[in-house]
Protein backbone atom coordinates (compact mmCIF):
# COMPACT_ATOMS: atom_id res chain seq x y z
CA MET A 1 0.00 0.00 0.00
CA THR A 2 2.96 2.31 0.61
CA THR A 3 3.91 2.02 -3.05
CA VAL A 4 0.40 2.93 -4.20
CA LEU A 5 0.35 5.98 -1.93
CA GLY A 6 3.86 6.96 -3.02
CA ALA A 7 2.93 6.75 -6.69
CA THR A 8 -0.13 8.88 -6.05
CA ALA A 9 1.86 11.42 -4.04
CA ALA A 10 4.43 11.68 -6.85
CA ALA A 11 1.72 12.46 -9.40
CA VAL A 12 0.09 15.02 -7.10
CA ALA A 13 3.47 16.68 -6.48
CA ILE A 14 4.00 17.06 -10.23
CA TRP A 15 0.45 18.44 -10.61
CA ILE A 16 1.17 21.02 -7.90
CA VAL A 17 4.47 22.09 -9.49
CA ALA A 18 2.87 22.28 -12.95
CA THR A 19 -0.02 24.33 -11.60
CA LEU A 20 2.31 26.72 -9.75
CA ALA A 21 4.46 27.01 -12.88
CA GLY A 22 1.41 28.13 -14.84
CA ALA A 23 0.74 25.06 -16.99
CA ALA A 24 -2.82 25.20 -18.30
CA LEU A 25 -3.48 21.52 -17.54
CA THR A 26 -6.39 21.47 -19.96
CA VAL A 27 -6.84 18.88 -22.70
CA SER A 28 -9.14 18.04 -25.56
CA PHE A 29 -9.33 14.58 -27.06
CA GLY A 30 -10.02 15.73 -30.61
CA ALA A 31 -11.30 18.54 -32.81
CA GLY A 32 -14.74 19.57 -31.68
CA GLN A 33 -14.36 17.79 -28.33
CA PRO A 34 -14.79 19.79 -25.13
CA ILE A 35 -11.78 21.13 -23.28
CA GLN A 36 -11.32 19.39 -19.95
CA LYS A 37 -9.40 20.69 -16.95
CA ILE A 38 -7.08 18.19 -15.26
CA THR A 39 -7.88 18.53 -11.55
CA VAL A 40 -6.05 17.09 -8.57
CA ILE A 41 -8.97 14.66 -8.17
CA ASN A 42 -8.38 13.40 -11.74
CA VAL A 43 -4.71 12.91 -10.90
CA VAL A 44 -5.40 11.06 -7.64
CA VAL A 45 -7.98 8.75 -9.19
CA ALA A 46 -5.82 7.95 -12.23
CA ALA A 47 -2.74 7.27 -10.10
CA LEU A 48 -4.69 5.08 -7.68
CA VAL A 49 -6.36 3.09 -10.45
CA GLY A 50 -3.09 2.54 -12.32
CA SER A 51 -1.01 1.55 -9.32
CA LEU A 52 -3.75 -0.61 -7.76
CA ALA A 53 -4.21 -2.40 -11.10
CA GLY A 54 -0.48 -3.09 -11.18
CA TRP A 55 -0.56 -4.40 -7.62
CA GLY A 56 -3.54 -6.61 -8.40
CA LEU A 57 -1.90 -8.05 -11.50
CA LEU A 58 1.28 -8.81 -9.59
CA ALA A 59 -0.73 -10.58 -6.89
CA LEU A 60 -2.50 -12.70 -9.51
CA LEU A 61 0.72 -13.58 -11.28
CA ARG A 62 2.34 -14.56 -7.99
CA ARG A 63 -0.54 -16.90 -7.34
CA PHE A 64 -0.45 -18.64 -10.71
CA THR A 65 3.15 -18.43 -12.02
CA THR A 66 6.62 -19.11 -10.73
CA ASN A 67 8.29 -16.16 -12.47
CA ALA A 68 5.73 -13.50 -11.54
CA ARG A 69 8.13 -10.63 -10.90
CA ALA A 70 9.83 -10.84 -14.30
CA ILE A 71 6.56 -11.31 -16.20
CA TRP A 72 4.92 -8.48 -14.29
CA THR A 73 7.84 -6.12 -14.86
CA VAL A 74 7.67 -6.58 -18.64
CA ILE A 75 3.89 -6.07 -18.63
CA ALA A 76 4.18 -3.01 -16.36
CA ILE A 77 6.81 -1.37 -18.56
CA LEU A 78 4.73 -2.02 -21.68
CA PHE A 79 1.64 -0.52 -20.06
CA ALA A 80 3.67 2.47 -18.87
CA LEU A 81 4.88 3.12 -22.40
CA LEU A 82 1.40 2.64 -23.86
CA SER A 83 -0.05 5.02 -21.28
CA LEU A 84 2.05 7.83 -22.76
CA GLY A 85 -0.15 7.72 -25.85
CA GLY A 86 -2.90 9.43 -23.88
CA PRO A 87 -1.12 12.66 -23.01
CA LEU A 88 0.85 12.74 -26.25
CA SER A 89 -2.26 12.43 -28.42
CA THR A 90 -4.32 15.13 -26.70
CA ILE A 91 -4.82 18.61 -28.02
CA SER A 92 -3.03 20.60 -25.33
CA SER A 93 -0.11 22.91 -24.70
CA VAL A 94 3.45 21.65 -24.57
CA GLY A 95 3.56 22.41 -20.85
CA THR A 96 0.47 20.32 -20.25
CA LYS A 97 1.84 17.42 -22.30
CA VAL A 98 5.16 17.52 -20.46
CA SER A 99 3.36 17.63 -17.11
CA LEU A 100 1.07 14.72 -17.98
CA VAL A 101 3.93 12.60 -19.33
CA ALA A 102 5.90 13.34 -16.15
CA MET A 103 2.93 12.23 -14.04
CA HIS A 104 2.56 8.99 -16.01
CA LEU A 105 6.27 8.23 -15.75
CA ALA A 106 6.37 9.07 -12.03
CA VAL A 107 3.46 6.76 -11.23
CA ALA A 108 4.96 4.00 -13.38
CA THR A 109 8.44 4.35 -11.88
CA VAL A 110 7.31 4.40 -8.26
CA THR A 111 4.90 1.52 -8.85
CA ILE A 112 7.36 -0.67 -10.75
CA VAL A 113 10.30 -0.08 -8.42
CA GLY A 114 8.17 -0.29 -5.28
CA LEU A 115 6.23 -3.42 -6.17
CA ARG A 116 9.29 -5.25 -7.49
CA ARG A 117 10.76 -4.94 -4.00
CA THR A 118 7.80 -6.62 -2.32
CA ARG A 119 7.98 -10.28 -1.47
CA GLY A 120 5.52 -12.78 -2.83
CA ARG A 121 3.69 -15.24 -0.66
């Protein structure tokens, strides 16, 4: 649980810095689509969902495979890279894209490093 909270805190810290630095933190997912503000609640929910999903997958793999940590690490890295498609494909400012990519990478890094250190049952 410490890893999940740490990943969430890392994303929130980046959101705070980006907000204080003046990043718009607004996105649109296509021409004609509404502009959406990225709030701290959005950041917390996304970080919690992503890190809890990673934790859950690792727990399942540990239950059913003998090489869970290695398998999970590959899957986690692939999902982290795929998750970057979201912020990179939005219609938003460069500052917003950089901030969102930083949040994704922070959550992924804390989650992957933190959960790899946990022991399986």
